[in-house]
Protein backbone atom coordinates (compact mmCIF):
# COMPACT_ATOMS: atom_id res chain seq x y z
CA MET A 1 -0.21 -0.08 0.23
CA SER A 2 1.09 3.53 -0.80
CA ARG A 3 1.78 5.83 2.03
CA PRO A 4 -0.57 9.15 2.22
CA ILE A 5 0.48 12.21 0.35
CA ARG A 6 -0.17 15.03 1.39
CA ILE A 7 -0.73 18.38 -1.18
CA ALA A 8 -0.62 22.15 -0.58
CA HIS A 9 -3.21 23.64 -2.61
CA ILE A 10 -3.76 27.51 -3.03
CA THR A 11 -5.41 29.65 -5.62
CA ASP A 12 -6.44 32.88 -6.21
CA THR A 13 -3.90 34.83 -4.97
CA HIS A 14 -4.20 38.20 -7.37
CA LEU A 15 -0.85 39.57 -6.81
CA GLY A 16 -0.98 42.77 -8.33
CA TYR A 17 -4.68 43.96 -7.12
CA ARG A 18 -4.83 47.01 -7.59
CA THR A 19 -7.62 49.51 -6.12
CA LEU A 20 -8.64 52.55 -3.55
CA ASN A 21 -5.59 54.81 -4.23
CA LYS A 22 -4.30 54.64 -0.70
CA PRO A 23 -0.22 54.27 -0.27
CA ASP A 24 1.47 52.21 1.56
CA PRO A 25 3.53 54.42 3.85
CA ALA A 26 6.60 52.94 3.87
CA SER A 27 6.75 51.71 0.19
CA GLY A 28 4.33 54.71 -1.23
CA ARG A 29 2.89 51.98 -3.54
CA ASN A 30 -1.03 51.22 -3.70
CA GLN A 31 -1.56 49.46 -0.23
CA ARG A 32 -4.03 47.28 -1.07
CA THR A 33 -1.60 45.95 -4.03
CA VAL A 34 1.11 45.60 -0.82
CA ASP A 35 -1.74 43.54 1.52
CA PHE A 36 -1.97 41.08 -1.44
CA GLU A 37 1.61 40.40 -1.51
CA ARG A 38 1.99 40.29 1.91
CA ALA A 39 -0.72 37.63 2.36
CA PHE A 40 0.94 35.20 -0.14
CA GLU A 41 4.47 35.31 1.57
CA TRP A 42 2.37 34.45 4.59
CA ALA A 43 0.85 31.48 2.79
CA VAL A 44 4.27 30.60 1.50
CA ASN A 45 6.30 30.99 4.64
CA ASP A 46 3.39 28.77 5.90
CA ILE A 47 3.75 26.08 3.52
CA ILE A 48 7.31 25.23 3.99
CA GLU A 49 7.38 25.42 7.48
CA GLN A 50 5.05 23.10 8.14
CA GLU A 51 6.12 20.49 10.72
CA LYS A 52 4.88 17.19 8.39
CA LYS A 53 6.14 19.03 4.67
CA PRO A 54 4.21 18.49 1.90
CA ASP A 55 5.25 16.38 -0.65
CA ALA A 56 3.75 18.93 -3.63
CA VAL A 57 2.21 22.18 -4.55
CA ILE A 58 -0.73 22.74 -6.77
CA HIS A 59 -1.70 26.45 -7.38
CA ALA A 60 -5.05 26.51 -9.17
CA GLY A 61 -5.37 29.67 -10.85
CA ASP A 62 -5.38 33.75 -10.69
CA VAL A 63 -1.50 33.81 -9.50
CA PHE A 64 -1.92 37.14 -11.06
CA HIS A 65 -4.96 39.81 -11.17
CA HIS A 66 -3.70 40.89 -14.73
CA ALA A 67 -2.56 39.07 -17.42
CA ARG A 68 0.32 41.63 -17.91
CA PRO A 69 1.43 41.99 -14.15
CA THR A 70 3.73 44.24 -13.43
CA TRP A 71 7.62 43.48 -12.70
CA GLN A 72 6.94 44.12 -9.04
CA SER A 73 4.19 41.32 -9.09
CA MET A 74 6.38 38.93 -11.35
CA ARG A 75 9.33 39.74 -8.81
CA HIS A 76 7.58 39.12 -5.85
CA PHE A 77 5.66 35.76 -7.12
CA ILE A 78 9.57 34.42 -8.07
CA GLN A 79 11.23 35.62 -4.74
CA GLN A 80 8.41 33.81 -2.56
CA TRP A 81 7.83 30.57 -4.86
CA GLN A 82 11.49 29.87 -4.90
CA LYS A 83 11.51 29.06 -1.75
CA ILE A 84 8.99 26.66 -2.89
CA GLU A 85 11.46 25.46 -4.74
CA ARG A 86 14.74 25.57 -2.44
CA ALA A 87 12.39 23.21 0.07
CA GLY A 88 12.98 20.70 -2.73
CA ILE A 89 9.20 20.83 -2.51
CA PRO A 90 7.86 19.79 -6.69
CA SER A 91 4.63 22.40 -7.69
CA LEU A 92 2.50 22.76 -10.07
CA VAL A 93 0.74 25.93 -11.51
CA ILE A 94 -1.75 26.92 -13.90
CA ALA A 95 -3.24 29.82 -15.06
CA GLY A 96 -6.40 31.67 -13.90
CA ASN A 97 -8.78 33.73 -16.03
CA HIS A 98 -7.50 37.46 -14.76
CA ASP A 99 -4.07 35.98 -15.70
CA THR A 100 -4.68 34.12 -19.33
CA PRO A 101 -4.33 37.33 -22.19
CA ARG A 102 -7.76 37.96 -24.10
CA VAL A 103 -5.63 37.59 -27.24
CA ARG A 104 -4.18 34.62 -28.06
CA THR A 105 -0.99 35.64 -29.63
CA GLY A 106 -0.26 38.04 -26.87
CA GLY A 107 1.87 35.97 -25.01
CA SER A 108 1.60 35.05 -21.12
CA ALA A 109 3.67 35.97 -18.02
CA TYR A 110 3.83 32.09 -17.43
CA SER A 111 6.31 31.57 -20.44
CA ILE A 112 8.97 34.18 -18.26
CA LEU A 113 8.28 32.45 -15.12
CA GLU A 114 9.18 29.26 -16.95
CA LEU A 115 12.76 30.57 -17.09
CA VAL A 116 12.97 31.62 -13.65
CA LEU A 117 11.61 28.50 -11.74
CA PRO A 118 12.77 25.49 -13.59
CA ASN A 119 11.33 22.95 -10.85
CA THR A 120 7.68 24.26 -11.24
CA THR A 121 5.71 23.48 -13.88
CA PHE A 122 3.10 25.71 -15.48
CA TYR A 123 0.11 25.46 -17.50
CA ALA A 124 -1.30 28.33 -19.50
CA GLY A 125 -1.56 27.57 -22.88
CA TYR A 126 -5.69 26.50 -24.48
CA GLU A 127 -5.53 22.85 -23.95
CA ASP A 128 -5.75 21.08 -21.24
CA LYS A 129 -2.88 18.80 -20.42
CA HIS A 130 -2.41 15.09 -18.83
CA ASP A 131 0.85 15.30 -16.35
CA HIS A 132 2.13 12.33 -15.60
CA GLU A 133 6.19 13.90 -15.31
CA THR A 134 5.82 16.50 -12.19
CA PHE A 135 4.76 14.25 -9.49
CA GLN A 136 5.32 10.70 -11.06
CA HIS A 137 7.74 10.26 -8.17
CA LEU A 138 4.47 10.09 -6.05
CA GLY A 139 2.49 7.96 -8.64
CA ILE A 140 0.68 11.48 -9.37
CA HIS A 141 -1.09 11.77 -12.86
CA VAL A 142 -2.65 15.61 -13.06
CA HIS A 143 -5.00 16.81 -15.16
CA ALA A 144 -4.49 20.38 -16.08
CA VAL A 145 -7.40 22.59 -17.23
CA PRO A 146 -5.86 26.14 -17.33
CA HIS A 147 -9.01 28.37 -18.02
CA GLY A 148 -7.54 28.88 -21.53
CA ALA A 149 -9.05 25.24 -22.29
CA LEU A 150 -12.73 25.77 -20.82
CA THR A 151 -12.35 28.86 -23.98
CA SER A 152 -11.03 26.35 -26.91
CA ASP A 153 -13.30 25.18 -29.22
CA ASN A 154 -12.34 21.33 -28.46
CA PRO A 155 -13.99 19.87 -25.37
CA VAL A 156 -12.16 19.12 -22.24
CA VAL A 157 -12.63 15.10 -21.41
CA PRO A 158 -12.07 14.32 -18.00
CA GLN A 159 -9.54 10.94 -18.43
CA VAL A 160 -8.20 9.22 -15.09
CA PHE A 161 -5.59 6.82 -15.07
CA ALA A 162 -5.37 3.16 -13.52
CA ASN A 163 -2.65 2.57 -10.56
CA ARG A 164 -2.43 6.27 -10.11
CA ILE A 165 -3.28 9.33 -7.97
CA ASN A 166 -5.56 11.53 -10.11
CA VAL A 167 -5.95 14.72 -9.41
CA MET A 168 -7.21 17.49 -11.41
CA VAL A 169 -6.75 21.05 -11.46
CA ILE A 170 -9.17 23.70 -12.77
CA HIS A 171 -10.31 26.67 -12.39
CA GLY A 172 -13.59 27.68 -13.16
CA MET A 173 -17.57 28.17 -11.62
CA VAL A 174 -18.94 25.18 -10.72
CA LYS A 175 -22.59 25.47 -11.70
CA GLY A 176 -25.16 25.82 -9.13
CA ILE A 177 -23.37 27.85 -6.63
CA LEU A 178 -23.99 31.44 -7.59
CA LYS A 179 -27.48 32.61 -5.75
CA PRO A 180 -30.11 33.96 -6.99
CA GLY A 181 -29.48 37.82 -7.49
CA GLN A 182 -25.27 36.61 -7.77
CA HIS A 183 -24.03 37.79 -11.01
CA ALA A 184 -21.48 35.94 -12.97
CA GLU A 185 -17.57 37.81 -13.11
CA PRO A 186 -16.70 39.12 -16.65
CA GLY A 187 -14.78 36.04 -18.00
CA GLU A 188 -15.52 33.54 -15.72
CA GLU A 189 -16.44 29.74 -17.18
CA GLU A 190 -19.17 28.00 -15.43
CA LEU A 191 -17.81 24.00 -15.12
CA ASP A 192 -20.90 21.38 -15.46
CA THR A 193 -20.18 19.00 -12.90
CA SER A 194 -20.23 15.98 -15.63
CA LEU A 195 -16.75 17.39 -15.78
CA LEU A 196 -15.63 17.12 -12.84
CA ASP A 197 -15.59 13.22 -13.62
CA HIS A 198 -15.93 11.26 -10.02
CA GLY A 199 -12.54 9.20 -10.61
CA PHE A 200 -10.50 11.66 -9.64
CA ASP A 201 -9.48 11.20 -5.89
CA TYR A 202 -9.21 15.19 -5.98
CA ILE A 203 -10.24 17.86 -7.89
CA ALA A 204 -8.19 21.45 -7.08
CA LEU A 205 -10.56 23.83 -7.68
CA GLY A 206 -9.42 27.73 -8.61
CA HIS A 207 -12.01 30.51 -9.24
CA TYR A 208 -14.33 31.62 -6.34
CA HIS A 209 -13.17 32.55 -3.66
CA GLN A 210 -14.66 31.39 -0.53
CA ARG A 211 -12.93 28.06 0.74
CA MET A 212 -15.51 25.60 0.23
CA GLN A 213 -17.04 21.93 -1.01
CA PRO A 214 -18.98 22.33 -4.51
CA PRO A 215 -22.76 20.84 -3.62
CA GLY A 216 -22.69 17.39 -5.80
CA ILE A 217 -18.57 17.67 -5.68
CA GLY A 218 -17.68 15.23 -2.85
CA ASN A 219 -14.03 15.12 -4.62
CA GLY A 220 -13.86 18.73 -4.90
CA TRP A 221 -12.65 21.55 -3.13
CA TYR A 222 -11.95 25.26 -3.43
CA ALA A 223 -9.18 26.41 -1.45
CA GLY A 224 -10.63 30.19 -1.82
CA SER A 225 -8.15 33.21 -2.54
CA THR A 226 -5.48 34.56 0.31
CA GLU A 227 -6.86 37.79 0.21
CA ARG A 228 -10.77 39.51 0.27
CA ASN A 229 -11.14 41.52 -3.45
CA GLY A 230 -14.01 43.30 -2.54
CA TRP A 231 -17.35 43.33 -1.19
CA GLY A 232 -17.85 40.31 -2.63
CA ASP A 233 -15.84 38.47 -0.49
CA TYR A 234 -16.63 39.65 2.73
CA GLU A 235 -17.10 36.67 4.20
CA THR A 236 -14.25 35.07 2.78
CA GLN A 237 -11.62 33.86 5.43
CA PRO A 238 -8.07 33.83 3.75
CA GLY A 239 -6.26 30.81 3.35
CA TYR A 240 -4.89 27.70 1.47
CA LEU A 241 -5.60 23.76 2.21
CA MET A 242 -3.40 20.89 2.94
CA VAL A 243 -4.86 18.10 1.55
CA THR A 244 -3.91 14.03 2.52
CA LEU A 245 -4.21 11.40 -0.90
CA ASN A 246 -4.43 8.21 0.81
CA GLY A 247 -3.64 6.47 -2.85
CA PRO A 248 -4.87 5.48 -5.84
CA GLY A 249 -8.75 5.20 -5.60
CA GLU A 250 -8.99 5.75 -1.89
CA GLY A 251 -10.14 9.29 -1.56
CA PHE A 252 -8.81 12.04 0.69
CA ASP A 253 -8.67 12.99 4.48
CA GLU A 254 -10.94 15.94 5.37
CA PRO A 255 -8.44 18.79 4.30
CA GLU A 256 -6.79 21.08 6.65
CA VAL A 257 -7.47 24.78 6.39
CA HIS A 258 -4.75 27.10 7.12
CA LYS A 259 -6.50 30.52 7.54
CA ILE A 260 -4.18 33.40 7.31
CA PRO A 261 -3.95 35.38 10.52
CA GLU A 262 -6.50 38.59 10.36
CA ASP A 263 -3.27 41.24 11.35
CA ILE A 264 -1.61 39.84 7.60
CA VAL A 265 -4.94 40.55 5.51
CA ARG A 266 -6.98 43.55 5.50
CA PRO A 267 -10.36 43.61 7.89
CA MET A 268 -14.05 44.09 6.69
CA ILE A 269 -16.32 45.32 8.46
CA ASP A 270 -20.23 45.34 7.10
CA LEU A 271 -21.99 48.33 9.71
CA LYS A 272 -25.73 47.44 10.28
CA ALA A 273 -27.62 49.48 7.72
CA THR A 274 -28.79 52.74 8.56
CA HIS A 275 -32.44 53.83 7.21
CA ALA A 276 -31.58 57.46 7.21
CA GLU A 277 -36.01 58.51 5.99
CA ASN A 278 -36.36 62.28 7.39
CA MET A 279 -32.87 62.51 8.29
CA ARG A 280 -30.61 65.10 7.34
CA GLY A 281 -27.14 65.43 6.13
CA PRO A 282 -25.10 65.80 10.09
CA GLU A 283 -27.59 63.35 10.96
CA ILE A 284 -27.14 60.70 8.84
CA ALA A 285 -23.44 60.85 9.08
CA GLU A 286 -23.66 61.33 13.04
CA GLU A 287 -25.67 57.65 13.02
CA VAL A 288 -23.04 56.36 11.10
CA LEU A 289 -19.95 57.54 13.21
CA ARG A 290 -21.73 56.04 16.51
CA LYS A 291 -21.85 53.20 15.07
CA ILE A 292 -18.23 53.25 14.48
CA ASN A 293 -17.38 54.09 17.29
CA SER A 294 -19.32 51.75 19.14
CA LEU A 295 -17.91 48.94 16.84
CA LYS A 296 -16.23 45.76 19.31
CA GLU A 297 -13.44 45.47 17.10
CA ASN A 298 -10.39 47.06 18.87
CA GLU A 299 -9.30 50.28 17.84
CA GLU A 300 -5.63 48.85 16.14
CA THR A 301 -8.09 46.59 14.37
CA ARG A 302 -11.30 49.72 13.27
CA GLN A 303 -7.89 51.44 11.82
CA ARG A 304 -6.89 49.26 9.82
CA ALA A 305 -10.20 47.58 8.51
CA MET A 306 -12.05 48.62 5.40
CA VAL A 307 -15.67 49.68 6.59
CA ARG A 308 -19.11 49.51 4.94
CA ALA A 309 -21.80 51.89 5.66
CA ARG A 310 -25.24 51.53 3.72
CA ILE A 311 -27.55 53.86 4.12
CA TRP A 312 -31.42 53.41 2.33
CA ASP A 313 -33.66 56.17 1.78
CA ALA A 314 -32.00 59.16 2.08
CA GLU A 315 -33.22 62.36 0.30
CA ARG A 316 -29.31 62.76 -2.55
CA GLY A 317 -28.71 66.19 -1.06
CA ASP A 318 -28.83 64.72 2.73
CA ARG A 319 -27.23 61.52 1.59
CA ARG A 320 -23.87 63.46 -0.48
CA GLU A 321 -23.90 66.21 2.40
CA ALA A 322 -23.15 63.01 5.29
CA GLU A 323 -20.71 61.10 2.63
CA SER A 324 -18.90 64.64 2.84
CA ILE A 325 -18.83 64.32 6.84
CA LEU A 326 -18.01 61.07 6.81
CA LYS A 327 -15.06 61.56 4.10
CA ARG A 328 -13.72 64.30 7.07
CA GLU A 329 -14.63 62.77 9.99
CA ALA A 330 -14.33 58.79 9.51
CA ALA A 331 -11.01 59.23 8.05
CA ASP A 332 -9.19 58.61 11.94
CA LEU A 333 -11.25 55.66 12.61
CA VAL A 334 -10.91 53.25 9.83
CA TRP A 335 -8.78 52.78 7.12
CA HIS A 336 -11.72 53.01 4.52
CA LEU A 337 -15.12 54.08 4.71
CA SER A 338 -17.13 52.99 1.62
CA VAL A 339 -20.24 54.16 1.78
CA PRO A 340 -22.21 52.03 -1.67
CA THR A 341 -25.22 53.21 -3.66
CA GLU A 342 -28.37 52.48 -2.27
CA ALA A 343 -29.36 49.55 -4.73
CA SER A 344 -33.17 49.36 -5.34
CA GLY A 345 -35.29 46.78 -3.73
CA ASN A 346 -37.67 44.11 -4.78
CA ALA A 347 -40.89 45.97 -6.91
CA ASN A 348 -43.08 43.62 -5.60
CA THR A 349 -42.48 43.15 -2.43
CA GLY A 350 -40.57 46.16 -1.50
CA GLU A 351 -37.16 44.28 -0.40
CA ARG A 352 -33.48 45.13 0.01
CA PRO A 353 -31.22 42.71 -1.45
CA GLU A 354 -28.95 41.62 1.15
CA VAL A 355 -25.87 43.32 -0.28
CA ALA A 356 -26.26 46.91 -1.82
CA GLN A 357 -24.50 47.11 -5.14
CA GLU A 358 -20.93 49.24 -4.22
CA PHE A 359 -20.31 51.70 -7.59
CA PRO A 360 -16.31 52.59 -8.16
CA ASP A 361 -14.94 56.59 -7.42
CA ILE A 362 -14.44 58.08 -10.55
CA ARG A 363 -10.98 58.62 -9.49
CA GLU A 364 -10.09 55.31 -8.62
CA LEU A 365 -11.39 53.96 -11.33
CA PHE A 366 -9.05 56.79 -13.49
CA GLY A 367 -5.75 55.34 -11.66
CA GLN A 368 -7.06 51.54 -11.98
CA PHE A 369 -7.18 53.02 -15.83
CA VAL A 370 -3.88 54.27 -15.71
CA GLU A 371 -2.43 51.44 -13.98
CA SER A 372 -3.66 48.65 -16.38
CA ARG A 373 -2.17 50.70 -19.69
CA THR A 374 1.05 51.27 -17.79
CA GLY A 375 3.67 49.41 -19.78
CA ILE A 376 1.65 48.80 -22.82
CA ALA A 377 -0.23 51.67 -23.86
CA PHE A 378 2.20 54.67 -21.30
CA ASN A 379 5.22 54.59 -20.40
CA ASP A 380 5.81 55.25 -16.64
CA ARG A 381 7.00 58.67 -16.63
CA PHE A 382 3.63 59.53 -19.11
CA ALA A 383 1.77 57.42 -16.57
CA GLN A 384 2.37 59.18 -13.68
CA ILE A 385 2.24 62.85 -15.24
CA PHE A 386 -1.50 61.88 -16.48
CA ARG A 387 -2.55 60.12 -13.62
CA GLU A 388 -1.70 63.04 -11.02
CA ARG A 389 -3.04 65.76 -13.68
CA GLY A 390 -6.27 63.46 -13.68
CA ASP A 391 -6.58 62.64 -10.20
CA ALA A 392 -6.22 66.85 -9.88
CA THR A 393 -8.79 67.85 -12.74
CA LEU A 394 -11.42 65.30 -11.33
CA ALA A 395 -10.68 66.38 -7.48
CA GLU A 396 -11.43 70.03 -8.74
CA ALA A 397 -14.52 68.82 -10.44
CA ILE A 398 -16.07 67.07 -8.11
CA ALA A 399 -15.33 69.30 -5.28
CA ALA A 400 -16.71 72.03 -8.06
CA ALA A 401 -20.44 69.63 -7.27
CA VAL A 402 -20.85 69.68 -3.71
CA THR A 403 -24.37 69.72 -3.20
CA VAL A 404 -25.47 72.98 -1.42
CA ALA A 405 -25.21 73.51 2.37
CA PRO A 406 -27.81 72.62 4.68
CA GLU A 407 -28.52 76.22 5.27
CA GLU A 408 -28.97 76.98 1.66
CA ASP A 409 -31.16 73.65 1.17
CA GLU A 410 -33.82 75.12 4.23
CA LEU A 411 -34.37 78.25 2.02
CA THR A 412 -35.79 75.96 -0.86
């Protein structure tokens, strides 16, 4: 009987994620970009420092947040993954929808990684692969299905091999997971359950950021992301899985969950919604600030946290005035305060969706646009000047459109 095999299953690290235009005090780089790098570094260190070292590491896609990652993101991944190679742990990585080029002839960052990480196997093309070599000494066959293979005209055909531990690595959304009202991500590929063959000893899933075993897929798990990308990941507990495979056809033990500590990942706090009917702007702001000050989290956690304040039934002018006050007053209380646009309720029942849709700030969108084009359409110097002048112009335009003062509003 073969010995049990331990595999570290990590996915959706999204290196290069950038938002909110808030700088890291130490480096001056985008703070959320640094957050994702810290979380990934912790996960890699935890993998290699296990008392019982894993036999293999599998990354199930979306190493990067963009198909053309910055050199900082590439450098960070290489630095960290080299630790896995130096530890003598063989590894395999597939591409997800975020790090797969939309144009097939555009080339892939993974082709560079192959040159500097020779002991790691990368699959980032548009075909699925049956890999018998990477983990041959462990008796493992891997059916690698990168995102690109799911977009190909040639269908993916699951295949398992006798007398081998069969593992599928695939990046997509298992059919039936999304709840009513939830929307698929652009570029997302839906995985029909028929593709997830029950003959595999384990299916390492990537794409969905919640750690879970999909309904009806008894041999597969989503490991979840290593950081929270946005409010859609509010309930996510970032981390990775350690899976013990018992042998060919013998399944696996309950995965060990390795959570990334909350002092590493960025906290997210969702305030109870404020019902603001007949409330003026200062009253709305005062109520939101009261809720922030009464949070059970300690001051240090609050000052590191992204906080969401949903405001319902406010008049437009009062809402905008409240947002202006909160932007000033909450700056020293929390790291970032988000006030999402109120979503309309159900026309028949009047019920509100559990989570309101949040629209990004226009200055944030502009910064993200410049970032995405830097190195492609803009050189670094032009991008810096363009961003600074564009952001200043947008700030002036927003300031000029501030809601009338309360005194003026009372005269109408």
